[in-house]
C-alpha atoms as a PDB file:
ATOM      1  CA  MET A   1     120.455 153.811 -15.038  1.00  0.00           C
ATOM      2  CA  GLN A   2     121.471 157.375 -16.182  1.00  0.00           C
ATOM      3  CA  ASP A   3     118.305 158.050 -18.073  1.00  0.00           C
ATOM      4  CA  LEU A   4     115.348 156.466 -16.219  1.00  0.00           C
ATOM      5  CA  ARG A   5     111.907 157.157 -17.532  1.00  0.00           C
ATOM      6  CA  GLU A   6     108.188 156.333 -16.692  1.00  0.00           C
ATOM      7  CA  PRO A   7     108.245 152.879 -18.392  1.00  0.00           C
ATOM      8  CA  HIS A   8     111.118 151.837 -16.155  1.00  0.00           C
ATOM      9  CA  LEU A   9     109.210 152.928 -13.015  1.00  0.00           C
ATOM     10  CA  ALA A  10     106.133 151.113 -14.263  1.00  0.00           C
ATOM     11  CA  ALA A  11     108.129 147.880 -14.807  1.00  0.00           C
ATOM     12  CA  ALA A  12     109.564 148.206 -11.290  1.00  0.00           C
ATOM     13  CA  LEU A  13     106.143 148.705  -9.748  1.00  0.00           C
ATOM     14  CA  ARG A  14     104.822 145.716 -11.765  1.00  0.00           C
ATOM     15  CA  VAL A  15     107.561 143.466 -10.259  1.00  0.00           C
ATOM     16  CA  LEU A  16     106.827 144.702  -6.796  1.00  0.00           C
ATOM     17  CA  ARG A  17     103.013 144.068  -7.139  1.00  0.00           C
ATOM     18  CA  TYR A  18     103.882 140.520  -8.462  1.00  0.00           C
ATOM     19  CA  LEU A  19     105.889 139.826  -5.302  1.00  0.00           C
ATOM     20  CA  LEU A  20     103.235 141.275  -2.995  1.00  0.00           C
ATOM     21  CA  LYS A  21     100.556 138.932  -4.312  1.00  0.00           C
ATOM     22  CA  ASP A  22     102.438 135.893  -2.962  1.00  0.00           C
ATOM     23  CA  PRO A  23     105.717 136.417  -1.193  1.00  0.00           C
ATOM     24  CA  SER A  24     106.582 132.707  -1.527  1.00  0.00           C
ATOM     25  CA  LEU A  25     106.829 133.121  -5.314  1.00  0.00           C
ATOM     26  CA  GLY A  26     110.205 134.108  -6.770  1.00  0.00           C
ATOM     27  CA  LEU A  27     113.395 132.981  -8.489  1.00  0.00           C
ATOM     28  CA  PHE A  28     116.094 130.906  -6.787  1.00  0.00           C
ATOM     29  CA  MET A  29     119.582 132.222  -7.298  1.00  0.00           C
ATOM     30  CA  PHE A  30     122.407 129.843  -6.548  1.00  0.00           C
ATOM     31  CA  ALA A  31     125.842 130.879  -5.387  1.00  0.00           C
ATOM     32  CA  SER A  32     128.273 129.739  -8.017  1.00  0.00           C
ATOM     33  CA  ALA A  33     131.756 130.671  -9.099  1.00  0.00           C
ATOM     34  CA  SER A  34     130.879 130.065 -12.678  1.00  0.00           C
ATOM     35  CA  PHE A  35     130.176 133.025 -14.758  1.00  0.00           C
ATOM     36  CA  LYS A  36     129.387 131.155 -17.872  1.00  0.00           C
ATOM     37  CA  LEU A  37     126.355 132.228 -19.891  1.00  0.00           C
ATOM     38  CA  MET A  38     124.103 129.551 -21.376  1.00  0.00           C
ATOM     39  CA  ALA A  39     121.412 130.488 -23.809  1.00  0.00           C
ATOM     40  CA  PHE A  40     118.572 128.402 -25.168  1.00  0.00           C
ATOM     41  CA  CYS A  41     116.047 129.487 -27.793  1.00  0.00           C
ATOM     42  CA  ASP A  42     113.147 127.797 -29.531  1.00  0.00           C
ATOM     43  CA  SER A  43     110.397 128.785 -31.894  1.00  0.00           C
ATOM     44  CA  ASP A  44     107.009 127.348 -32.662  1.00  0.00           C
ATOM     45  CA  TRP A  45     105.994 128.114 -36.225  1.00  0.00           C
ATOM     46  CA  ASP A  46     102.656 126.333 -36.212  1.00  0.00           C
ATOM     47  CA  THR A  47     101.177 127.763 -33.012  1.00  0.00           C
ATOM     48  CA  CYS A  48      98.374 129.736 -34.647  1.00  0.00           C
ATOM     49  CA  PRO A  49      97.250 128.134 -37.906  1.00  0.00           C
ATOM     50  CA  ASN A  50      95.112 131.109 -38.863  1.00  0.00           C
ATOM     51  CA  SER A  51      97.798 133.875 -38.619  1.00  0.00           C
ATOM     52  CA  ARG A  52     100.940 131.740 -39.025  1.00  0.00           C
ATOM     53  CA  ARG A  53     102.691 134.040 -36.651  1.00  0.00           C
ATOM     54  CA  LEU A  54     105.447 132.239 -34.760  1.00  0.00           C
ATOM     55  CA  VAL A  55     106.120 132.212 -31.051  1.00  0.00           C
ATOM     56  CA  SER A  56     109.700 132.586 -30.130  1.00  0.00           C
ATOM     57  CA  GLU A  57     111.222 132.111 -26.760  1.00  0.00           C
ATOM     58  CA  PHE A  58     114.605 132.106 -25.120  1.00  0.00           C
ATOM     59  CA  TYR A  59     116.065 131.467 -21.723  1.00  0.00           C
ATOM     60  CA  ILE A  60     119.590 132.697 -20.501  1.00  0.00           C
ATOM     61  CA  SER A  61     121.267 131.535 -17.323  1.00  0.00           C
ATOM     62  CA  LEU A  62     124.454 132.742 -15.622  1.00  0.00           C
ATOM     63  CA  GLY A  63     125.958 129.689 -14.048  1.00  0.00           C
ATOM     64  CA  SER A  64     122.895 127.755 -12.762  1.00  0.00           C
ATOM     65  CA  SER A  65     120.754 130.889 -12.144  1.00  0.00           C
ATOM     66  CA  PRO A  66     118.241 132.225 -14.687  1.00  0.00           C
ATOM     67  CA  ILE A  67     118.820 135.859 -15.591  1.00  0.00           C
ATOM     68  CA  SER A  68     116.752 136.489 -18.711  1.00  0.00           C
ATOM     69  CA  TRP A  69     113.852 134.861 -20.556  1.00  0.00           C
ATOM     70  CA  LYS A  70     111.126 135.778 -22.944  1.00  0.00           C
ATOM     71  CA  SER A  71     108.244 134.218 -24.964  1.00  0.00           C
ATOM     72  CA  LYS A  72     106.481 136.421 -27.488  1.00  0.00           C
ATOM     73  CA  LYS A  73     104.220 136.058 -30.464  1.00  0.00           C
ATOM     74  CA  GLN A  74     105.999 137.789 -33.320  1.00  0.00           C
ATOM     75  CA  THR A  75     104.333 140.375 -35.555  1.00  0.00           C
ATOM     76  CA  SER A  76     105.925 139.019 -38.712  1.00  0.00           C
ATOM     77  CA  ILE A  77     105.003 135.871 -40.607  1.00  0.00           C
ATOM     78  CA  SER A  78     107.668 133.200 -41.258  1.00  0.00           C
ATOM     79  CA  LEU A  79     107.469 131.202 -44.515  1.00  0.00           C
ATOM     80  CA  SER A  80     109.249 128.111 -43.110  1.00  0.00           C
ATOM     81  CA  SER A  81     110.248 126.540 -39.867  1.00  0.00           C
ATOM     82  CA  ALA A  82     113.911 127.353 -40.652  1.00  0.00           C
ATOM     83  CA  GLU A  83     113.210 131.031 -40.948  1.00  0.00           C
ATOM     84  CA  ALA A  84     111.317 130.833 -37.681  1.00  0.00           C
ATOM     85  CA  VAL A  85     114.302 129.312 -35.939  1.00  0.00           C
ATOM     86  CA  TYR A  86     116.686 131.996 -37.368  1.00  0.00           C
ATOM     87  CA  ARG A  87     114.371 134.701 -36.035  1.00  0.00           C
ATOM     88  CA  SER A  88     114.328 133.153 -32.712  1.00  0.00           C
ATOM     89  CA  MET A  89     118.140 132.939 -32.661  1.00  0.00           C
ATOM     90  CA  ARG A  90     118.351 136.546 -33.662  1.00  0.00           C
ATOM     91  CA  ARG A  91     116.193 137.593 -30.667  1.00  0.00           C
ATOM     92  CA  VAL A  92     118.455 135.722 -28.233  1.00  0.00           C
ATOM     93  CA  VAL A  93     121.736 137.008 -29.755  1.00  0.00           C
ATOM     94  CA  ILE A  94     120.356 140.625 -29.377  1.00  0.00           C
ATOM     95  CA  GLU A  95     119.640 139.856 -25.683  1.00  0.00           C
ATOM     96  CA  LEU A  96     123.217 138.260 -25.231  1.00  0.00           C
ATOM     97  CA  THR A  97     124.833 141.329 -26.837  1.00  0.00           C
ATOM     98  CA  TRP A  98     122.988 143.569 -24.287  1.00  0.00           C
ATOM     99  CA  LEU A  99     124.038 141.327 -21.412  1.00  0.00           C
ATOM    100  CA  PHE A 100     127.671 141.272 -22.529  1.00  0.00           C
ATOM    101  CA  ARG A 101     127.735 145.056 -22.557  1.00  0.00           C
ATOM    102  CA  LEU A 102     126.030 145.234 -19.176  1.00  0.00           C
ATOM    103  CA  PHE A 103     128.446 142.901 -17.595  1.00  0.00           C
ATOM    104  CA  ASP A 104     131.344 144.778 -19.136  1.00  0.00           C
ATOM    105  CA  ASP A 105     130.038 147.968 -17.616  1.00  0.00           C
ATOM    106  CA  LEU A 106     129.825 146.220 -14.211  1.00  0.00           C
ATOM    107  CA  SER A 107     133.364 144.876 -14.744  1.00  0.00           C
ATOM    108  CA  VAL A 108     132.161 141.292 -14.628  1.00  0.00           C
ATOM    109  CA  SER A 109     134.229 139.001 -16.805  1.00  0.00           C
ATOM    110  CA  ILE A 110     132.181 136.438 -18.710  1.00  0.00           C
ATOM    111  CA  SER A 111     133.766 133.250 -20.100  1.00  0.00           C
ATOM    112  CA  LEU A 112     133.440 133.040 -23.815  1.00  0.00           C
ATOM    113  CA  PRO A 113     132.207 131.584 -26.103  1.00  0.00           C
ATOM    114  CA  THR A 114     128.584 131.307 -25.050  1.00  0.00           C
ATOM    115  CA  SER A 115     126.682 128.218 -26.408  1.00  0.00           C
ATOM    116  CA  LEU A 116     123.389 128.761 -27.995  1.00  0.00           C
END
């Protein structure tokens, strides 16, 4: 928030354009006293048989409300399904680390440990 740039504005405008298309679309946030983070990740090693690039995805929820998710075709090539799973886990741990720091800055206490 202290050092906003053009990409941040572009991302905000993209969200607003998305919501303008159909105002009934959106995320449902539930009121909950639970501040427990739950993280799920998966990888699909055999998505593209030609390039062998994996698709890794993750989903993180705070209580029962989704707060972060991503699905991305990776630029690197994994040699095994185990390596693909470790790469996917690495991505979600990076996101969890960022979320822990964000919640710490906002003075929100998160119950630990977080299951993955």
